[in-house]
Amino acid sequence: RSGGFGKIILLPLYPQYSITTTGSSVNEWNRQCERLGVRNIPQKLVHHFYQNPDYLDAMVENINKALARFEDVSPSDIHLVFSAHGVPISIIQKGDPYQKHIEETVRLVRERGGWTSPHTLCYQSKVGPAEWLKPSLNETIDRLGADGAKNIVVIPVAFLTDHIETLHEIGIETRHRASELGISRFEVMPALNSHPKLIKALAEEVLRLARPE
């Protein structure tokens, strides 16, 4: 409150925008500002950054790290499974851009990577009885197993860092499910975490908003 700030830049660590993620974070920020009496300081928000070239390059590099473990396998025999955190369909129907942002992220990453492997986009981490975006990660793994797929790389496309949804839900639960279905090679793209190009992308987004208008 007493820092003498001239501008505040909010940097939610979500590459794609959703009211359920960035939106809820900003709402909490606003509640805390009101509680602390922080007013009349110009604020700007990094709404999303999935189009940032350095972010995309970081994604491509980490996907290639996972693919490097398949040196003896033809690209046509490796299935890329892009998995994003799901949201209720009702949120999308109200105009939330999240699904479009995710689909565009996958398109941009694939275009930049130039891979010839088949790919699928799916969604994970559903909670509650409401209908969520589909197909789910489990449904996708089940279908690929039924189709005889043997080599899969799961790409957490909406998660920047490792946490329960990458390390446990994908790395343990989904890996076990894939093994039971006869999928013999199951790899997960390393989360970006502190990847230098991710950090560069975040800095670029902040500096862009910090420039005088």
Protein backbone atom coordinates (compact mmCIF):
# COMPACT_ATOMS: atom_id res chain seq x y z
CA ARG A 1 0.00 0.00 0.00
CA SER A 2 2.89 2.37 0.68
CA GLY A 3 5.24 1.39 -2.13
CA GLY A 4 4.62 4.41 -4.30
CA PHE A 5 3.83 2.29 -7.34
CA GLY A 6 2.84 4.04 -10.53
CA LYS A 7 1.41 0.99 -12.28
CA ILE A 8 0.54 -2.61 -11.47
CA ILE A 9 0.81 -5.36 -14.08
CA LEU A 10 -1.00 -8.61 -13.38
CA LEU A 11 0.61 -11.74 -14.82
CA PRO A 12 -1.58 -14.81 -14.29
CA LEU A 13 0.39 -17.92 -15.23
CA TYR A 14 -2.26 -19.21 -17.63
CA PRO A 15 -1.27 -19.14 -21.33
CA GLN A 16 -4.94 -19.23 -22.39
CA TYR A 17 -7.70 -17.11 -20.89
CA SER A 18 -10.71 -18.46 -19.04
CA ILE A 19 -12.99 -16.82 -16.56
CA THR A 20 -12.43 -19.92 -14.39
CA THR A 21 -8.67 -19.33 -14.16
CA THR A 22 -7.41 -15.87 -15.05
CA GLY A 23 -10.85 -14.42 -14.37
CA SER A 24 -11.10 -15.91 -10.88
CA SER A 25 -7.53 -14.84 -10.08
CA VAL A 26 -8.29 -11.26 -11.05
CA ASN A 27 -11.49 -11.33 -8.98
CA GLU A 28 -9.49 -12.42 -5.95
CA TRP A 29 -6.92 -9.72 -6.63
CA ASN A 30 -9.67 -7.12 -6.75
CA ARG A 31 -11.14 -8.40 -3.49
CA GLN A 32 -7.77 -8.09 -1.77
CA CYS A 33 -7.21 -4.61 -3.20
CA GLU A 34 -10.55 -3.54 -1.80
CA ARG A 35 -9.74 -5.08 1.57
CA LEU A 36 -6.37 -3.34 1.75
CA GLY A 37 -7.58 -0.06 0.36
CA VAL A 38 -5.42 -0.22 -2.76
CA ARG A 39 -7.08 2.24 -5.13
CA ASN A 40 -6.29 4.67 -7.92
CA ILE A 41 -3.24 2.78 -9.17
CA PRO A 42 -3.39 2.02 -12.91
CA GLN A 43 -3.53 -1.73 -13.52
CA LYS A 44 -2.99 -3.78 -16.64
CA LEU A 45 -3.58 -7.48 -17.21
CA VAL A 46 -1.69 -9.97 -19.35
CA HIS A 47 -4.91 -11.47 -20.68
CA HIS A 48 -3.22 -14.45 -22.37
CA PHE A 49 0.11 -15.25 -24.01
CA TYR A 50 -0.34 -18.50 -25.92
CA GLN A 51 0.62 -16.71 -29.15
CA ASN A 52 3.97 -15.52 -27.81
CA PRO A 53 6.72 -16.94 -30.09
CA ASP A 54 9.08 -17.73 -27.20
CA TYR A 55 6.36 -19.58 -25.33
CA LEU A 56 5.62 -21.60 -28.47
CA ASP A 57 9.32 -22.33 -28.99
CA ALA A 58 9.61 -23.57 -25.42
CA MET A 59 6.68 -25.92 -26.01
CA VAL A 60 8.23 -27.25 -29.21
CA GLU A 61 11.59 -27.85 -27.53
CA ASN A 62 10.02 -29.83 -24.69
CA ILE A 63 7.86 -31.87 -27.04
CA ASN A 64 11.00 -32.72 -28.98
CA LYS A 65 12.65 -33.84 -25.74
CA ALA A 66 9.84 -36.35 -25.25
CA LEU A 67 9.95 -37.46 -28.89
CA ALA A 68 13.70 -38.03 -28.65
CA ARG A 69 12.92 -41.06 -26.48
CA PHE A 70 11.37 -42.72 -29.56
CA GLU A 71 14.46 -42.81 -31.78
CA ASP A 72 13.60 -46.30 -33.04
CA VAL A 73 9.94 -45.50 -33.84
CA SER A 74 8.51 -43.98 -37.01
CA PRO A 75 6.73 -40.63 -36.42
CA SER A 76 3.58 -42.12 -37.96
CA ASP A 77 3.53 -44.65 -35.11
CA ILE A 78 3.71 -42.03 -32.35
CA HIS A 79 0.47 -40.36 -31.27
CA LEU A 80 0.65 -36.85 -29.82
CA VAL A 81 -2.03 -36.35 -27.16
CA PHE A 82 -2.48 -32.68 -26.28
CA SER A 83 -4.22 -32.57 -22.92
CA ALA A 84 -5.70 -29.36 -21.49
CA HIS A 85 -7.51 -28.75 -18.24
CA GLY A 86 -11.22 -29.03 -18.93
CA VAL A 87 -13.96 -26.53 -18.11
CA PRO A 88 -17.76 -26.91 -18.07
CA ILE A 89 -19.36 -26.55 -21.50
CA SER A 90 -21.77 -24.01 -20.01
CA ILE A 91 -18.83 -21.65 -19.49
CA ILE A 92 -17.90 -21.91 -23.18
CA GLN A 93 -21.51 -21.39 -24.23
CA LYS A 94 -21.50 -18.10 -22.32
CA GLY A 95 -18.66 -16.82 -24.49
CA ASP A 96 -15.54 -17.91 -22.63
CA PRO A 97 -12.66 -18.04 -25.19
CA TYR A 98 -10.76 -20.85 -23.48
CA GLN A 99 -11.60 -23.64 -25.93
CA LYS A 100 -10.68 -21.47 -28.92
CA HIS A 101 -7.43 -20.46 -27.24
CA ILE A 102 -6.54 -24.09 -26.57
CA GLU A 103 -7.32 -25.16 -30.13
CA GLU A 104 -5.27 -22.27 -31.48
CA THR A 105 -2.37 -23.17 -29.17
CA VAL A 106 -2.32 -26.70 -30.53
CA ARG A 107 -2.43 -25.41 -34.10
CA LEU A 108 0.42 -22.96 -33.55
CA VAL A 109 2.59 -25.48 -31.69
CA ARG A 110 2.10 -28.15 -34.35
CA GLU A 111 2.76 -25.65 -37.13
CA ARG A 112 5.97 -24.57 -35.42
CA GLY A 113 7.07 -28.14 -34.65
CA GLY A 114 6.38 -29.54 -38.09
CA TRP A 115 5.72 -33.06 -36.79
CA THR A 116 4.05 -35.63 -39.02
CA SER A 117 2.71 -37.73 -36.14
CA PRO A 118 -1.06 -38.04 -35.68
CA HIS A 119 -2.46 -35.94 -32.87
CA THR A 120 -5.50 -35.57 -30.62
CA LEU A 121 -6.72 -32.77 -28.37
CA CYS A 122 -8.49 -33.79 -25.18
CA TYR A 123 -9.35 -32.46 -21.73
CA GLN A 124 -8.70 -33.67 -18.21
CA SER A 125 -9.40 -33.06 -14.51
CA LYS A 126 -13.21 -33.04 -14.65
CA VAL A 127 -15.01 -32.57 -11.34
CA GLY A 128 -18.72 -32.53 -10.54
CA PRO A 129 -21.74 -33.72 -12.55
CA ALA A 130 -21.85 -30.92 -15.17
CA GLU A 131 -20.93 -31.65 -18.77
CA TRP A 132 -17.34 -30.65 -19.54
CA LEU A 133 -15.35 -30.26 -22.73
CA LYS A 134 -14.72 -33.54 -24.54
CA PRO A 135 -13.15 -35.89 -25.32
CA SER A 136 -11.63 -36.56 -21.94
CA LEU A 137 -8.07 -37.77 -21.51
CA ASN A 138 -9.33 -41.15 -20.28
CA GLU A 139 -11.68 -41.53 -23.25
CA THR A 140 -8.82 -40.66 -25.60
CA ILE A 141 -6.44 -43.18 -24.06
CA ASP A 142 -9.16 -45.85 -24.15
CA ARG A 143 -9.80 -45.18 -27.85
CA LEU A 144 -6.13 -45.20 -28.76
CA GLY A 145 -5.62 -48.44 -26.86
CA ALA A 146 -8.59 -50.03 -28.63
CA ASP A 147 -7.15 -48.87 -31.97
CA GLY A 148 -3.87 -50.63 -31.22
CA ALA A 149 -1.69 -47.59 -30.52
CA LYS A 150 1.60 -48.51 -28.88
CA ASN A 151 3.45 -45.18 -28.60
CA ILE A 152 1.98 -42.07 -27.00
CA VAL A 153 3.34 -38.69 -25.95
CA VAL A 154 1.02 -36.71 -23.69
CA ILE A 155 1.52 -32.95 -23.97
CA PRO A 156 0.10 -30.88 -21.09
CA VAL A 157 -0.89 -27.91 -23.22
CA ALA A 158 -2.50 -25.66 -20.59
CA PHE A 159 -0.13 -26.29 -17.67
CA LEU A 160 3.09 -24.31 -17.27
CA THR A 161 4.50 -26.18 -14.27
CA ASP A 162 4.52 -29.65 -12.81
CA HIS A 163 1.86 -30.34 -10.18
CA ILE A 164 -0.72 -32.98 -9.32
CA GLU A 165 -2.41 -32.86 -12.73
CA THR A 166 0.83 -33.53 -14.62
CA LEU A 167 2.81 -35.63 -12.17
CA HIS A 168 0.00 -37.74 -10.74
CA GLU A 169 -3.05 -37.57 -13.01
CA ILE A 170 -1.01 -37.99 -16.21
CA GLY A 171 2.30 -39.39 -15.00
CA ILE A 172 0.84 -42.08 -12.73
CA GLU A 173 -2.90 -42.63 -13.26
CA THR A 174 -3.02 -42.22 -17.05
CA ARG A 175 0.27 -44.07 -17.49
CA HIS A 176 -1.18 -47.03 -15.58
CA ARG A 177 -4.37 -46.91 -17.63
CA ALA A 178 -2.35 -46.89 -20.86
CA SER A 179 -0.28 -49.87 -19.74
CA GLU A 180 -3.40 -51.89 -18.98
CA LEU A 181 -4.64 -51.13 -22.50
CA GLY A 182 -1.46 -52.46 -24.13
CA ILE A 183 0.18 -49.12 -24.86
CA SER A 184 3.82 -50.03 -24.37
CA ARG A 185 5.56 -46.64 -24.70
CA PHE A 186 4.03 -43.76 -22.75
CA GLU A 187 5.93 -40.51 -22.41
CA VAL A 188 4.93 -37.11 -21.01
CA MET A 189 6.27 -33.81 -22.24
CA PRO A 190 8.29 -32.19 -19.44
CA ALA A 191 6.45 -29.18 -18.05
CA LEU A 192 8.00 -25.86 -19.02
CA ASN A 193 8.65 -24.91 -15.38
CA SER A 194 11.64 -22.52 -15.54
CA HIS A 195 12.42 -23.01 -19.25
CA PRO A 196 14.47 -19.94 -20.30
CA LYS A 197 12.21 -19.23 -23.27
CA LEU A 198 9.12 -19.32 -21.07
CA ILE A 199 10.74 -16.84 -18.69
CA LYS A 200 11.66 -14.67 -21.68
CA ALA A 201 8.08 -14.83 -22.93
CA LEU A 202 6.68 -13.79 -19.55
CA ALA A 203 9.15 -10.91 -19.33
CA GLU A 204 8.19 -9.77 -22.81
CA GLU A 205 4.51 -9.74 -21.92
CA VAL A 206 5.13 -7.67 -18.79
CA LEU A 207 7.47 -5.21 -20.51
CA ARG A 208 5.00 -4.75 -23.34
CA LEU A 209 2.39 -3.51 -20.90
CA ALA A 210 4.92 -1.53 -18.88
CA ARG A 211 5.86 0.75 -21.77
CA PRO A 212 4.47 4.30 -21.60
CA GLU A 213 1.44 4.78 -23.80
